[in-house]
Every structure is written in structure tokens, then in C-alpha cells.
Amino acid sequence: MVILATSDRQLIKDVVCNVLEIETDEVTDTSLFIEDHEADSMRLIEILSALELSLELTIEQTNLPRMVNLVGIYDVIAELKE
């Protein structure tokens, strides 16, 4: 299993916060995007798209149900980097 570098985790967090229009200190690894940060399904797709561009990866939309918080995103990205 690939363990994401701290720099990758920070980039992911920055991308998520940019899309959600929140400060990085407002989101934790386990805070839920929809419930805690008022994101909707369109915002989740925006996050996926922004991550694809930033990380130069293809992330299937079938992964969206797992990408509910930063931990979920870290897991998906780590699997794609294996």
C-alpha cells in the first residue's frame, strides 16, 4: 500500500478547501464535506476534477461515495498511485 507524502496530503487539502471556499484550518481529516461543510454533489464532482488536474490522475466517479472526507480521498489517491 502506498502511503501519501505529507506534501501530497497538503496539496489535496488545499484543493478541497479551495473548491469548498473554506480555510484549511476549518477542515479536519475526518470532517464530512456534505454534513460539516455544506458541500453538495456538484462540489464533490468539482473536487474530483480539481484533484485530477492537480495530481495528473484519472479518478473514476465511482469513487465519489468513498470521498466524503480527506481520509477517504487519501485512500482513493493512494490506491491509484499503487
C-alpha atoms as a PDB file:
ATOM      1  CA  MET A   1       0.000   0.000   0.000  1.00  0.00           C
ATOM      2  CA  VAL A   2       1.237   3.454  -0.921  1.00  0.00           C
ATOM      3  CA  ILE A   3       1.475   5.998   1.883  1.00  0.00           C
ATOM      4  CA  LEU A   4       0.925   9.523   0.641  1.00  0.00           C
ATOM      5  CA  ALA A   5       3.669  12.039   1.284  1.00  0.00           C
ATOM      6  CA  THR A   6       2.889  14.972   3.543  1.00  0.00           C
ATOM      7  CA  SER A   7       3.195  17.262   0.516  1.00  0.00           C
ATOM      8  CA  ASP A   8       0.545  15.229  -1.362  1.00  0.00           C
ATOM      9  CA  ARG A   9      -1.785  15.372   1.631  1.00  0.00           C
ATOM     10  CA  GLN A  10      -1.322  19.136   1.903  1.00  0.00           C
ATOM     11  CA  LEU A  11      -1.972  19.601  -1.819  1.00  0.00           C
ATOM     12  CA  ILE A  12      -5.163  17.537  -1.558  1.00  0.00           C
ATOM     13  CA  LYS A  13      -6.317  19.546   1.454  1.00  0.00           C
ATOM     14  CA  ASP A  14      -5.562  22.821  -0.338  1.00  0.00           C
ATOM     15  CA  VAL A  15      -7.524  21.719  -3.415  1.00  0.00           C
ATOM     16  CA  VAL A  16     -10.510  20.637  -1.308  1.00  0.00           C
ATOM     17  CA  CYS A  17     -10.516  23.875   0.687  1.00  0.00           C
ATOM     18  CA  ASN A  18     -10.248  25.940  -2.476  1.00  0.00           C
ATOM     19  CA  VAL A  19     -13.267  24.200  -4.028  1.00  0.00           C
ATOM     20  CA  LEU A  20     -15.286  24.390  -0.803  1.00  0.00           C
ATOM     21  CA  GLU A  21     -14.192  28.015  -0.304  1.00  0.00           C
ATOM     22  CA  ILE A  22     -13.068  27.427   3.278  1.00  0.00           C
ATOM     23  CA  GLU A  23      -9.838  27.965   5.186  1.00  0.00           C
ATOM     24  CA  THR A  24      -7.533  24.974   5.651  1.00  0.00           C
ATOM     25  CA  ASP A  25      -7.922  25.139   9.421  1.00  0.00           C
ATOM     26  CA  GLU A  26     -11.692  24.646   9.048  1.00  0.00           C
ATOM     27  CA  VAL A  27     -11.382  21.091   7.716  1.00  0.00           C
ATOM     28  CA  THR A  28     -10.006  18.057   9.524  1.00  0.00           C
ATOM     29  CA  ASP A  29      -9.085  14.691   8.068  1.00  0.00           C
ATOM     30  CA  THR A  30     -12.424  13.272   9.224  1.00  0.00           C
ATOM     31  CA  SER A  31     -14.822  16.210   8.843  1.00  0.00           C
ATOM     32  CA  LEU A  32     -17.511  15.375   6.311  1.00  0.00           C
ATOM     33  CA  PHE A  33     -17.748  17.584   3.244  1.00  0.00           C
ATOM     34  CA  ILE A  34     -21.539  17.476   2.930  1.00  0.00           C
ATOM     35  CA  GLU A  35     -22.595  17.380   6.571  1.00  0.00           C
ATOM     36  CA  ASP A  36     -19.896  19.605   8.081  1.00  0.00           C
ATOM     37  CA  HIS A  37     -19.028  21.931   5.201  1.00  0.00           C
ATOM     38  CA  GLU A  38     -22.337  22.199   3.323  1.00  0.00           C
ATOM     39  CA  ALA A  39     -20.970  20.777   0.073  1.00  0.00           C
ATOM     40  CA  ASP A  40     -23.390  19.368  -2.474  1.00  0.00           C
ATOM     41  CA  SER A  41     -22.906  16.704  -5.135  1.00  0.00           C
ATOM     42  CA  MET A  42     -21.696  19.283  -7.662  1.00  0.00           C
ATOM     43  CA  ARG A  43     -18.967  20.419  -5.256  1.00  0.00           C
ATOM     44  CA  LEU A  44     -17.844  16.804  -4.843  1.00  0.00           C
ATOM     45  CA  ILE A  45     -17.519  16.475  -8.612  1.00  0.00           C
ATOM     46  CA  GLU A  46     -15.582  19.762  -8.668  1.00  0.00           C
ATOM     47  CA  ILE A  47     -13.231  18.355  -6.013  1.00  0.00           C
ATOM     48  CA  LEU A  48     -12.715  15.198  -8.071  1.00  0.00           C
ATOM     49  CA  SER A  49     -11.985  17.214 -11.212  1.00  0.00           C
ATOM     50  CA  ALA A  50      -9.621  19.617  -9.439  1.00  0.00           C
ATOM     51  CA  LEU A  51      -7.738  16.698  -7.892  1.00  0.00           C
ATOM     52  CA  GLU A  52      -7.383  15.043 -11.295  1.00  0.00           C
ATOM     53  CA  LEU A  53      -5.822  18.218 -12.693  1.00  0.00           C
ATOM     54  CA  SER A  54      -3.574  18.868  -9.698  1.00  0.00           C
ATOM     55  CA  LEU A  55      -2.349  15.290  -9.311  1.00  0.00           C
ATOM     56  CA  GLU A  56      -2.414  14.338 -13.002  1.00  0.00           C
ATOM     57  CA  LEU A  57      -4.531  11.265 -12.260  1.00  0.00           C
ATOM     58  CA  THR A  58      -7.805   9.890 -13.528  1.00  0.00           C
ATOM     59  CA  ILE A  59     -10.290   9.341 -10.712  1.00  0.00           C
ATOM     60  CA  GLU A  60     -13.412   7.405 -11.623  1.00  0.00           C
ATOM     61  CA  GLN A  61     -16.705   8.889 -10.405  1.00  0.00           C
ATOM     62  CA  THR A  62     -17.464   5.505  -8.865  1.00  0.00           C
ATOM     63  CA  ASN A  63     -15.003   6.557  -6.131  1.00  0.00           C
ATOM     64  CA  LEU A  64     -17.146   9.545  -5.089  1.00  0.00           C
ATOM     65  CA  PRO A  65     -19.080   7.656  -2.374  1.00  0.00           C
ATOM     66  CA  ARG A  66     -15.746   6.991  -0.635  1.00  0.00           C
ATOM     67  CA  MET A  67     -14.541  10.583  -0.981  1.00  0.00           C
ATOM     68  CA  VAL A  68     -16.660  12.033   1.831  1.00  0.00           C
ATOM     69  CA  ASN A  69     -13.717  13.448   3.790  1.00  0.00           C
ATOM     70  CA  LEU A  70      -9.955  13.873   3.457  1.00  0.00           C
ATOM     71  CA  VAL A  71      -9.235  10.356   4.762  1.00  0.00           C
ATOM     72  CA  GLY A  72     -11.439   8.920   2.021  1.00  0.00           C
ATOM     73  CA  ILE A  73      -9.663  10.979  -0.621  1.00  0.00           C
ATOM     74  CA  TYR A  74      -6.242   9.993   0.726  1.00  0.00           C
ATOM     75  CA  ASP A  75      -7.240   6.314   0.482  1.00  0.00           C
ATOM     76  CA  VAL A  76      -8.528   6.645  -3.095  1.00  0.00           C
ATOM     77  CA  ILE A  77      -5.436   8.545  -4.247  1.00  0.00           C
ATOM     78  CA  ALA A  78      -3.083   6.089  -2.521  1.00  0.00           C
ATOM     79  CA  GLU A  79      -4.783   3.187  -4.312  1.00  0.00           C
ATOM     80  CA  LEU A  80      -4.442   4.959  -7.657  1.00  0.00           C
ATOM     81  CA  LYS A  81      -0.725   5.514  -7.052  1.00  0.00           C
ATOM     82  CA  GLU A  82      -0.056   1.814  -6.339  1.00  0.00           C
END
